[in-house]
Amino acid sequence: LAVMECLDAGQVLRIVRAQVARAAENFAFYAEYAEH
């Protein structure tokens, strides 16, 4: 995901790696909200 977005959007990899981690965190975070 990081390499794909880096190539496609032109963002440097050090930024994109953090964004991919945030994308996964979005699902993990709202997984808890789904129940409560």
Full PDB file with SEQRES, HELIX, SHEET, SSBOND, CRYST1, ORIGX, SCALE, CONECT and MASTER records, all heavy atoms in Angstrom:
SEQRES   1 A   36  LEU ALA VAL MET GLU CYS LEU ASP ALA GLY GLN VAL LEU          
SEQRES   2 A   36  ARG ILE VAL ARG ALA GLN VAL ALA ARG ALA ALA GLU ASN          
SEQRES   3 A   36  PHE ALA PHE TYR ALA GLU TYR ALA GLU HIS                      
HELIX    1 AA1 ALA A    2  ALA A    9  1                                   8    
HELIX    2 AA2 LEU A   13  GLU A   35  1                                  23    
CRYST1    1.000    1.000    1.000  90.00  90.00  90.00 P 1           1          
ORIGX1      1.000000  0.000000  0.000000        0.00000                         
ORIGX2      0.000000  1.000000  0.000000        0.00000                         
ORIGX3      0.000000  0.000000  1.000000        0.00000                         
SCALE1      1.000000  0.000000  0.000000        0.00000                         
SCALE2      0.000000  1.000000  0.000000        0.00000                         
SCALE3      0.000000  0.000000  1.000000        0.00000                         
ATOM      1  N   LEU A   1       0.826  -1.206   0.000  1.00  0.00           N  
ATOM      2  CA  LEU A   1       0.000   0.000   0.000  1.00  0.00           C  
ATOM      3  C   LEU A   1       0.860   1.254   0.000  1.00  0.00           C  
ATOM      4  O   LEU A   1       0.576   2.229  -0.714  1.00  0.00           O  
ATOM      5  CB  LEU A   1      -0.924  -0.001   1.219  1.00  0.00           C  
ATOM      6  CG  LEU A   1      -2.102  -0.978   1.184  1.00  0.00           C  
ATOM      7  CD1 LEU A   1      -2.701  -1.147   2.571  1.00  0.00           C  
ATOM      8  CD2 LEU A   1      -3.173  -0.496   0.204  1.00  0.00           C  
ATOM      9  N   ALA A   2       1.929   1.244   0.809  1.00  0.00           N  
ATOM     10  CA  ALA A   2       2.779   2.425   0.917  1.00  0.00           C  
ATOM     11  C   ALA A   2       3.481   2.720  -0.398  1.00  0.00           C  
ATOM     12  O   ALA A   2       3.506   3.867  -0.866  1.00  0.00           O  
ATOM     13  CB  ALA A   2       3.796   2.227   2.039  1.00  0.00           C  
ATOM     14  N   VAL A   3       4.063   1.712  -1.017  1.00  0.00           N  
ATOM     15  CA  VAL A   3       4.768   1.923  -2.284  1.00  0.00           C  
ATOM     16  C   VAL A   3       3.794   2.373  -3.369  1.00  0.00           C  
ATOM     17  O   VAL A   3       4.071   3.291  -4.145  1.00  0.00           O  
ATOM     18  CB  VAL A   3       5.512   0.640  -2.714  1.00  0.00           C  
ATOM     19  CG1 VAL A   3       6.106   0.802  -4.104  1.00  0.00           C  
ATOM     20  CG2 VAL A   3       6.611   0.308  -1.702  1.00  0.00           C  
ATOM     21  N   MET A   4       2.630   1.744  -3.404  1.00  0.00           N  
ATOM     22  CA  MET A   4       1.621   2.078  -4.412  1.00  0.00           C  
ATOM     23  C   MET A   4       1.197   3.542  -4.289  1.00  0.00           C  
ATOM     24  O   MET A   4       1.143   4.283  -5.285  1.00  0.00           O  
ATOM     25  CB  MET A   4       0.419   1.147  -4.210  1.00  0.00           C  
ATOM     26  CG  MET A   4      -0.569   1.128  -5.337  1.00  0.00           C  
ATOM     27  SD  MET A   4      -1.878  -0.092  -5.039  1.00  0.00           S  
ATOM     28  CE  MET A   4      -0.953  -1.621  -5.187  1.00  0.00           C  
ATOM     29  N   GLU A   5       0.929   3.979  -3.072  1.00  0.00           N  
ATOM     30  CA  GLU A   5       0.484   5.360  -2.870  1.00  0.00           C  
ATOM     31  C   GLU A   5       1.625   6.348  -3.114  1.00  0.00           C  
ATOM     32  O   GLU A   5       1.412   7.439  -3.641  1.00  0.00           O  
ATOM     33  CB  GLU A   5      -0.079   5.534  -1.455  1.00  0.00           C  
ATOM     34  CG  GLU A   5      -0.659   6.898  -1.205  1.00  0.00           C  
ATOM     35  CD  GLU A   5      -2.078   6.847  -0.693  1.00  0.00           C  
ATOM     36  OE1 GLU A   5      -2.868   6.045  -1.205  1.00  0.00           O  
ATOM     37  OE2 GLU A   5      -2.404   7.605   0.210  1.00  0.00           O  
ATOM     38  N   CYS A   6       2.805   5.956  -2.728  1.00  0.00           N  
ATOM     39  CA  CYS A   6       3.979   6.788  -2.948  1.00  0.00           C  
ATOM     40  C   CYS A   6       4.174   7.052  -4.438  1.00  0.00           C  
ATOM     41  O   CYS A   6       4.375   8.192  -4.866  1.00  0.00           O  
ATOM     42  CB  CYS A   6       5.186   6.076  -2.347  1.00  0.00           C  
ATOM     43  SG  CYS A   6       6.736   6.946  -2.451  1.00  0.00           S  
ATOM     44  N   LEU A   7       4.095   6.005  -5.249  1.00  0.00           N  
ATOM     45  CA  LEU A   7       4.266   6.143  -6.692  1.00  0.00           C  
ATOM     46  C   LEU A   7       3.118   6.912  -7.327  1.00  0.00           C  
ATOM     47  O   LEU A   7       3.316   7.718  -8.246  1.00  0.00           O  
ATOM     48  CB  LEU A   7       4.373   4.762  -7.335  1.00  0.00           C  
ATOM     49  CG  LEU A   7       5.605   3.925  -6.981  1.00  0.00           C  
ATOM     50  CD1 LEU A   7       5.441   2.508  -7.516  1.00  0.00           C  
ATOM     51  CD2 LEU A   7       6.869   4.571  -7.538  1.00  0.00           C  
ATOM     52  N   ASP A   8       1.917   6.684  -6.855  1.00  0.00           N  
ATOM     53  CA  ASP A   8       0.724   7.238  -7.489  1.00  0.00           C  
ATOM     54  C   ASP A   8       0.474   8.691  -7.098  1.00  0.00           C  
ATOM     55  O   ASP A   8       0.042   9.497  -7.925  1.00  0.00           O  
ATOM     56  CB  ASP A   8      -0.489   6.377  -7.108  1.00  0.00           C  
ATOM     57  CG  ASP A   8      -1.663   6.561  -8.048  1.00  0.00           C  
ATOM     58  OD1 ASP A   8      -1.449   7.034  -9.183  1.00  0.00           O  
ATOM     59  OD2 ASP A   8      -2.787   6.219  -7.665  1.00  0.00           O  
ATOM     60  N   ALA A   9       0.729   9.034  -5.829  1.00  0.00           N  
ATOM     61  CA  ALA A   9       0.410  10.374  -5.341  1.00  0.00           C  
ATOM     62  C   ALA A   9       1.624  11.287  -5.236  1.00  0.00           C  
ATOM     63  O   ALA A   9       1.468  12.486  -5.029  1.00  0.00           O  
ATOM     64  CB  ALA A   9      -0.284  10.275  -3.974  1.00  0.00           C  
ATOM     65  N   GLY A  10       2.834  10.725  -5.325  1.00  0.00           N  
ATOM     66  CA  GLY A  10       4.029  11.562  -5.287  1.00  0.00           C  
ATOM     67  C   GLY A  10       4.486  11.957  -3.901  1.00  0.00           C  
ATOM     68  O   GLY A  10       5.428  12.736  -3.752  1.00  0.00           O  
ATOM     69  N   GLN A  11       3.820  11.445  -2.862  1.00  0.00           N  
ATOM     70  CA  GLN A  11       4.241  11.747  -1.496  1.00  0.00           C  
ATOM     71  C   GLN A  11       5.468  10.917  -1.138  1.00  0.00           C  
ATOM     72  O   GLN A  11       5.585   9.763  -1.552  1.00  0.00           O  
ATOM     73  CB  GLN A  11       3.104  11.436  -0.508  1.00  0.00           C  
ATOM     74  CG  GLN A  11       1.825  12.206  -0.764  1.00  0.00           C  
ATOM     75  CD  GLN A  11       1.961  13.694  -0.455  1.00  0.00           C  
ATOM     76  OE1 GLN A  11       2.953  14.135   0.094  1.00  0.00           O  
ATOM     77  NE2 GLN A  11       0.943  14.462  -0.816  1.00  0.00           N  
ATOM     78  N   VAL A  12       6.367  11.503  -0.354  1.00  0.00           N  
ATOM     79  CA  VAL A  12       7.585  10.777   0.005  1.00  0.00           C  
ATOM     80  C   VAL A  12       7.234   9.624   0.950  1.00  0.00           C  
ATOM     81  O   VAL A  12       6.278   9.686   1.722  1.00  0.00           O  
ATOM     82  CB  VAL A  12       8.633  11.710   0.648  1.00  0.00           C  
ATOM     83  CG1 VAL A  12       9.095  12.748  -0.360  1.00  0.00           C  
ATOM     84  CG2 VAL A  12       8.100  12.376   1.909  1.00  0.00           C  
ATOM     85  N   LEU A  13       8.040   8.584   0.874  1.00  0.00           N  
ATOM     86  CA  LEU A  13       7.717   7.340   1.558  1.00  0.00           C  
ATOM     87  C   LEU A  13       7.634   7.509   3.067  1.00  0.00           C  
ATOM     88  O   LEU A  13       6.831   6.870   3.734  1.00  0.00           O  
ATOM     89  CB  LEU A  13       8.745   6.267   1.196  1.00  0.00           C  
ATOM     90  CG  LEU A  13       8.389   4.823   1.550  1.00  0.00           C  
ATOM     91  CD1 LEU A  13       7.052   4.431   0.948  1.00  0.00           C  
ATOM     92  CD2 LEU A  13       9.475   3.876   1.064  1.00  0.00           C  
ATOM     93  N   ARG A  14       8.454   8.394   3.631  1.00  0.00           N  
ATOM     94  CA  ARG A  14       8.423   8.585   5.082  1.00  0.00           C  
ATOM     95  C   ARG A  14       7.056   9.124   5.550  1.00  0.00           C  
ATOM     96  O   ARG A  14       6.612   8.809   6.649  1.00  0.00           O  
ATOM     97  CB  ARG A  14       9.535   9.535   5.534  1.00  0.00           C  
ATOM     98  CG  ARG A  14       9.407  10.953   4.973  1.00  0.00           C  
ATOM     99  CD  ARG A  14      10.389  11.902   5.617  1.00  0.00           C  
ATOM    100  NE  ARG A  14      11.773  11.578   5.273  1.00  0.00           N  
ATOM    101  CZ  ARG A  14      12.826  12.166   5.848  1.00  0.00           C  
ATOM    102  NH1 ARG A  14      12.640  13.086   6.773  1.00  0.00           N  
ATOM    103  NH2 ARG A  14      14.050  11.848   5.471  1.00  0.00           N  
ATOM    104  N   ILE A  15       6.405   9.902   4.711  1.00  0.00           N  
ATOM    105  CA  ILE A  15       5.065  10.405   5.027  1.00  0.00           C  
ATOM    106  C   ILE A  15       4.025   9.323   4.773  1.00  0.00           C  
ATOM    107  O   ILE A  15       3.108   9.104   5.573  1.00  0.00           O  
ATOM    108  CB  ILE A  15       4.751  11.657   4.178  1.00  0.00           C  
ATOM    109  CG1 ILE A  15       5.638  12.835   4.613  1.00  0.00           C  
ATOM    110  CG2 ILE A  15       3.273  12.027   4.279  1.00  0.00           C  
ATOM    111  CD1 ILE A  15       5.343  13.377   5.987  1.00  0.00           C  
ATOM    112  N   VAL A  16       4.156   8.616   3.660  1.00  0.00           N  
ATOM    113  CA  VAL A  16       3.158   7.628   3.277  1.00  0.00           C  
ATOM    114  C   VAL A  16       3.110   6.473   4.273  1.00  0.00           C  
ATOM    115  O   VAL A  16       2.028   5.958   4.584  1.00  0.00           O  
ATOM    116  CB  VAL A  16       3.426   7.128   1.846  1.00  0.00           C  
ATOM    117  CG1 VAL A  16       2.505   5.966   1.497  1.00  0.00           C  
ATOM    118  CG2 VAL A  16       3.222   8.256   0.843  1.00  0.00           C  
ATOM    119  N   ARG A  17       4.255   6.039   4.776  1.00  0.00           N  
ATOM    120  CA  ARG A  17       4.240   4.942   5.746  1.00  0.00           C  
ATOM    121  C   ARG A  17       3.360   5.286   6.942  1.00  0.00           C  
ATOM    122  O   ARG A  17       2.588   4.455   7.434  1.00  0.00           O  
ATOM    123  CB  ARG A  17       5.665   4.622   6.223  1.00  0.00           C  
ATOM    124  CG  ARG A  17       6.565   3.955   5.199  1.00  0.00           C  
ATOM    125  CD  ARG A  17       5.994   2.632   4.704  1.00  0.00           C  
ATOM    126  NE  ARG A  17       5.981   1.592   5.722  1.00  0.00           N  
ATOM    127  CZ  ARG A  17       6.933   0.706   5.938  1.00  0.00           C  
ATOM    128  NH1 ARG A  17       8.037   0.740   5.214  1.00  0.00           N  
ATOM    129  NH2 ARG A  17       6.796  -0.228   6.842  1.00  0.00           N  
ATOM    130  N   ALA A  18       3.464   6.512   7.419  1.00  0.00           N  
ATOM    131  CA  ALA A  18       2.631   6.949   8.550  1.00  0.00           C  
ATOM    132  C   ALA A  18       1.158   6.993   8.167  1.00  0.00           C  
ATOM    133  O   ALA A  18       0.274   6.670   8.976  1.00  0.00           O  
ATOM    134  CB  ALA A  18       3.098   8.314   9.046  1.00  0.00           C  
ATOM    135  N   GLN A  19       0.874   7.392   6.923  1.00  0.00           N  
ATOM    136  CA  GLN A  19      -0.515   7.464   6.473  1.00  0.00           C  
ATOM    137  C   GLN A  19      -1.146   6.077   6.358  1.00  0.00           C  
ATOM    138  O   GLN A  19      -2.322   5.898   6.670  1.00  0.00           O  
ATOM    139  CB  GLN A  19      -0.581   8.182   5.128  1.00  0.00           C  
ATOM    140  CG  GLN A  19      -0.240   9.649   5.196  1.00  0.00           C  
ATOM    141  CD  GLN A  19      -1.237  10.433   6.024  1.00  0.00           C  
ATOM    142  OE1 GLN A  19      -2.395  10.558   5.669  1.00  0.00           O  
ATOM    143  NE2 GLN A  19      -0.795  10.947   7.153  1.00  0.00           N  
ATOM    144  N   VAL A  20      -0.390   5.104   5.906  1.00  0.00           N  
ATOM    145  CA  VAL A  20      -0.910   3.737   5.831  1.00  0.00           C  
ATOM    146  C   VAL A  20      -1.211   3.209   7.234  1.00  0.00           C  
ATOM    147  O   VAL A  20      -2.237   2.556   7.461  1.00  0.00           O  
ATOM    148  CB  VAL A  20       0.088   2.819   5.095  1.00  0.00           C  
ATOM    149  CG1 VAL A  20      -0.352   1.357   5.180  1.00  0.00           C  
ATOM    150  CG2 VAL A  20       0.204   3.245   3.630  1.00  0.00           C  
ATOM    151  N   ALA A  21      -0.328   3.500   8.175  1.00  0.00           N  
ATOM    152  CA  ALA A  21      -0.586   3.093   9.560  1.00  0.00           C  
ATOM    153  C   ALA A  21      -1.860   3.750  10.092  1.00  0.00           C  
ATOM    154  O   ALA A  21      -2.654   3.116  10.791  1.00  0.00           O  
ATOM    155  CB  ALA A  21       0.610   3.447  10.440  1.00  0.00           C  
ATOM    156  N   ARG A  22      -2.065   5.026   9.752  1.00  0.00           N  
ATOM    157  CA  ARG A  22      -3.296   5.721  10.162  1.00  0.00           C  
ATOM    158  C   ARG A  22      -4.521   5.099   9.529  1.00  0.00           C  
ATOM    159  O   ARG A  22      -5.596   4.999  10.141  1.00  0.00           O  
ATOM    160  CB  ARG A  22      -3.218   7.196   9.759  1.00  0.00           C  
ATOM    161  CG  ARG A  22      -2.828   8.161  10.853  1.00  0.00           C  
ATOM    162  CD  ARG A  22      -3.921   8.395  11.888  1.00  0.00           C  
ATOM    163  NE  ARG A  22      -5.171   8.789  11.281  1.00  0.00           N  
ATOM    164  CZ  ARG A  22      -5.472  10.035  10.919  1.00  0.00           C  
ATOM    165  NH1 ARG A  22      -4.586  11.000  11.070  1.00  0.00           N  
ATOM    166  NH2 ARG A  22      -6.646  10.315  10.396  1.00  0.00           N  
ATOM    167  N   ALA A  23      -4.396   4.662   8.277  1.00  0.00           N  
ATOM    168  CA  ALA A  23      -5.530   4.038   7.590  1.00  0.00           C  
ATOM    169  C   ALA A  23      -5.952   2.765   8.305  1.00  0.00           C  
ATOM    170  O   ALA A  23      -7.148   2.509   8.512  1.00  0.00           O  
ATOM    171  CB  ALA A  23      -5.169   3.750   6.136  1.00  0.00           C  
ATOM    172  N   ALA A  24      -4.981   1.945   8.700  1.00  0.00           N  
ATOM    173  CA  ALA A  24      -5.307   0.738   9.465  1.00  0.00           C  
ATOM    174  C   ALA A  24      -5.904   1.097  10.816  1.00  0.00           C  
ATOM    175  O   ALA A  24      -6.857   0.458  11.286  1.00  0.00           O  
ATOM    176  CB  ALA A  24      -4.051  -0.109   9.643  1.00  0.00           C  
ATOM    177  N   GLU A  25      -5.358   2.144  11.440  1.00  0.00           N  
ATOM    178  CA  GLU A  25      -5.865   2.575  12.740  1.00  0.00           C  
ATOM    179  C   GLU A  25      -7.317   3.043  12.641  1.00  0.00           C  
ATOM    180  O   GLU A  25      -8.099   2.868  13.583  1.00  0.00           O  
ATOM    181  CB  GLU A  25      -4.988   3.697  13.287  1.00  0.00           C  
ATOM    182  CG  GLU A  25      -5.370   4.158  14.688  1.00  0.00           C  
ATOM    183  CD  GLU A  25      -4.584   5.369  15.142  1.00  0.00           C  
ATOM    184  OE1 GLU A  25      -3.684   5.818  14.406  1.00  0.00           O  
ATOM    185  OE2 GLU A  25      -4.875   5.877  16.244  1.00  0.00           O  
ATOM    186  N   ASN A  26      -7.689   3.650  11.519  1.00  0.00           N  
ATOM    187  CA  ASN A  26      -9.079   4.077  11.355  1.00  0.00           C  
ATOM    188  C   ASN A  26     -10.033   2.901  11.531  1.00  0.00           C  
ATOM    189  O   ASN A  26     -11.065   3.011  12.204  1.00  0.00           O  
ATOM    190  CB  ASN A  26      -9.276   4.707   9.975  1.00  0.00           C  
ATOM    191  CG  ASN A  26      -8.663   6.094   9.871  1.00  0.00           C  
ATOM    192  OD1 ASN A  26      -8.481   6.782  10.875  1.00  0.00           O  
ATOM    193  ND2 ASN A  26      -8.320   6.497   8.659  1.00  0.00           N  
ATOM    194  N   PHE A  27      -9.709   1.758  10.937  1.00  0.00           N  
ATOM    195  CA  PHE A  27     -10.576   0.580  11.072  1.00  0.00           C  
ATOM    196  C   PHE A  27     -10.523   0.014  12.487  1.00  0.00           C  
ATOM    197  O   PHE A  27     -11.553  -0.375  13.046  1.00  0.00           O  
ATOM    198  CB  PHE A  27     -10.188  -0.486  10.047  1.00  0.00           C  
ATOM    199  CG  PHE A  27     -10.688  -0.203   8.665  1.00  0.00           C  
ATOM    200  CD1 PHE A  27      -9.840   0.294   7.692  1.00  0.00           C  
ATOM    201  CD2 PHE A  27     -12.022  -0.415   8.338  1.00  0.00           C  
ATOM    202  CE1 PHE A  27     -10.299   0.561   6.416  1.00  0.00           C  
ATOM    203  CE2 PHE A  27     -12.494  -0.148   7.059  1.00  0.00           C  
ATOM    204  CZ  PHE A  27     -11.627   0.346   6.096  1.00  0.00           C  
ATOM    205  N   ALA A  28      -9.331  -0.046  13.076  1.00  0.00           N  
ATOM    206  CA  ALA A  28      -9.207  -0.577  14.436  1.00  0.00           C  
ATOM    207  C   ALA A  28      -9.962   0.305  15.427  1.00  0.00           C  
ATOM    208  O   ALA A  28     -10.633  -0.198  16.337  1.00  0.00           O  
ATOM    209  CB  ALA A  28      -7.734  -0.670  14.822  1.00  0.00           C  
ATOM    210  N   PHE A  29      -9.871   1.610  15.245  1.00  0.00           N  
ATOM    211  CA  PHE A  29     -10.543   2.554  16.139  1.00  0.00           C  
ATOM    212  C   PHE A  29     -12.055   2.402  16.061  1.00  0.00           C  
ATOM    213  O   PHE A  29     -12.749   2.272  17.078  1.00  0.00           O  
ATOM    214  CB  PHE A  29     -10.122   3.976  15.772  1.00  0.00           C  
ATOM    215  CG  PHE A  29     -10.826   5.051  16.556  1.00  0.00           C  
ATOM    216  CD1 PHE A  29     -10.395   5.392  17.822  1.00  0.00           C  
ATOM    217  CD2 PHE A  29     -11.910   5.724  16.018  1.00  0.00           C  
ATOM    218  CE1 PHE A  29     -11.049   6.379  18.551  1.00  0.00           C  
ATOM    219  CE2 PHE A  29     -12.565   6.710  16.727  1.00  0.00           C  
ATOM    220  CZ  PHE A  29     -12.127   7.039  18.001  1.00  0.00           C  
ATOM    221  N   TYR A  30     -12.588   2.409  14.846  1.00  0.00           N  
ATOM    222  CA  TYR A  30     -14.044   2.332  14.704  1.00  0.00           C  
ATOM    223  C   TYR A  30     -14.580   0.929  14.934  1.00  0.00           C  
ATOM    224  O   TYR A  30     -15.797   0.759  15.126  1.00  0.00           O  
ATOM    225  CB  TYR A  30     -14.480   2.892  13.352  1.00  0.00           C  
ATOM    226  CG  TYR A  30     -14.573   4.395  13.389  1.00  0.00           C  
ATOM    227  CD1 TYR A  30     -13.608   5.190  12.780  1.00  0.00           C  
ATOM    228  CD2 TYR A  30     -15.600   5.023  14.081  1.00  0.00           C  
ATOM    229  CE1 TYR A  30     -13.674   6.573  12.841  1.00  0.00           C  
ATOM    230  CE2 TYR A  30     -15.679   6.409  14.146  1.00  0.00           C  
ATOM    231  CZ  TYR A  30     -14.719   7.174  13.529  1.00  0.00           C  
ATOM    232  OH  TYR A  30     -14.795   8.538  13.608  1.00  0.00           O  
ATOM    233  N   ALA A  31     -13.706  -0.076  14.951  1.00  0.00           N  
ATOM    234  CA  ALA A  31     -14.156  -1.408  15.356  1.00  0.00           C  
ATOM    235  C   ALA A  31     -14.699  -1.369  16.782  1.00  0.00           C  
ATOM    236  O   ALA A  31     -15.717  -2.005  17.096  1.00  0.00           O  
ATOM    237  CB  ALA A  31     -12.999  -2.403  15.257  1.00  0.00           C  
ATOM    238  N   GLU A  32     -14.049  -0.606  17.646  1.00  0.00           N  
ATOM    239  CA  GLU A  32     -14.526  -0.471  19.029  1.00  0.00           C  
ATOM    240  C   GLU A  32     -15.831   0.316  19.079  1.00  0.00           C  
ATOM    241  O   GLU A  32     -16.739  -0.003  19.845  1.00  0.00           O  
ATOM    242  CB  GLU A  32     -13.456   0.207  19.885  1.00  0.00           C  
ATOM    243  CG  GLU A  32     -12.160  -0.582  19.997  1.00  0.00           C  
ATOM    244  CD  GLU A  32     -12.391  -1.962  20.591  1.00  0.00           C  
ATOM    245  OE1 GLU A  32     -13.224  -2.100  21.518  1.00  0.00           O  
ATOM    246  OE2 GLU A  32     -11.739  -2.918  20.114  1.00  0.00           O  
ATOM    247  N   TYR A  33     -15.928   1.339  18.257  1.00  0.00           N  
ATOM    248  CA  TYR A  33     -17.152   2.148  18.248  1.00  0.00           C  
ATOM    249  C   TYR A  33     -18.344   1.356  17.722  1.00  0.00           C  
ATOM    250  O   TYR A  33     -19.489   1.628  18.081  1.00  0.00           O  
ATOM    251  CB  TYR A  33     -16.938   3.403  17.393  1.00  0.00           C  
ATOM    252  CG  TYR A  33     -16.365   4.555  18.172  1.00  0.00           C  
ATOM    253  CD1 TYR A  33     -15.106   4.471  18.746  1.00  0.00           C  
ATOM    254  CD2 TYR A  33     -17.074   5.729  18.346  1.00  0.00           C  
ATOM    255  CE1 TYR A  33     -14.569   5.516  19.460  1.00  0.00           C  
ATOM    256  CE2 TYR A  33     -16.552   6.792  19.064  1.00  0.00           C  
ATOM    257  CZ  TYR A  33     -15.294   6.677  19.618  1.00  0.00           C  
ATOM    258  OH  TYR A  33     -14.770   7.721  20.334  1.00  0.00           O  
ATOM    259  N   ALA A  34     -18.091   0.383  16.862  1.00  0.00           N  
ATOM    260  CA  ALA A  34     -19.191  -0.417  16.309  1.00  0.00           C  
ATOM    261  C   ALA A  34     -20.016  -1.044  17.412  1.00  0.00           C  
ATOM    262  O   ALA A  34     -21.239  -1.166  17.308  1.00  0.00           O  
ATOM    263  CB  ALA A  34     -18.627  -1.499  15.396  1.00  0.00           C  
ATOM    264  N   GLU A  35     -19.354  -1.443  18.475  1.00  0.00           N  
ATOM    265  CA  GLU A  35     -20.045  -2.157  19.552  1.00  0.00           C  
ATOM    266  C   GLU A  35     -20.594  -1.242  20.633  1.00  0.00           C  
ATOM    267  O   GLU A  35     -21.550  -1.589  21.327  1.00  0.00           O  
ATOM    268  CB  GLU A  35     -19.089  -3.172  20.181  1.00  0.00           C  
ATOM    269  CG  GLU A  35     -19.776  -4.217  21.028  1.00  0.00           C  
ATOM    270  CD  GLU A  35     -18.844  -5.345  21.425  1.00  0.00           C  
ATOM    271  OE1 GLU A  35     -17.624  -5.226  21.205  1.00  0.00           O  
ATOM    272  OE2 GLU A  35     -19.345  -6.338  21.959  1.00  0.00           O  
ATOM    273  N   HIS A  36     -20.015  -0.052  20.776  1.00  0.00           N  
ATOM    274  CA  HIS A  36     -20.360   0.763  21.950  1.00  0.00           C  
ATOM    275  C   HIS A  36     -20.955   2.130  21.632  1.00  0.00           C  
ATOM    276  O   HIS A  36     -21.449   2.801  22.534  1.00  0.00           O  
ATOM    277  CB  HIS A  36     -19.115   0.968  22.815  1.00  0.00           C  
ATOM    278  CG  HIS A  36     -18.494  -0.306  23.290  1.00  0.00           C  
ATOM    279  ND1 HIS A  36     -19.139  -1.183  24.144  1.00  0.00           N  
ATOM    280  CD2 HIS A  36     -17.291  -0.869  23.007  1.00  0.00           C  
ATOM    281  CE1 HIS A  36     -18.356  -2.222  24.383  1.00  0.00           C  
ATOM    282  NE2 HIS A  36     -17.231  -2.064  23.695  1.00  0.00           N  
TER     283      HIS A  36                                                      
MASTER        0    0    0    2    0    0    0    6  282    1    0    3          
END                                                                             
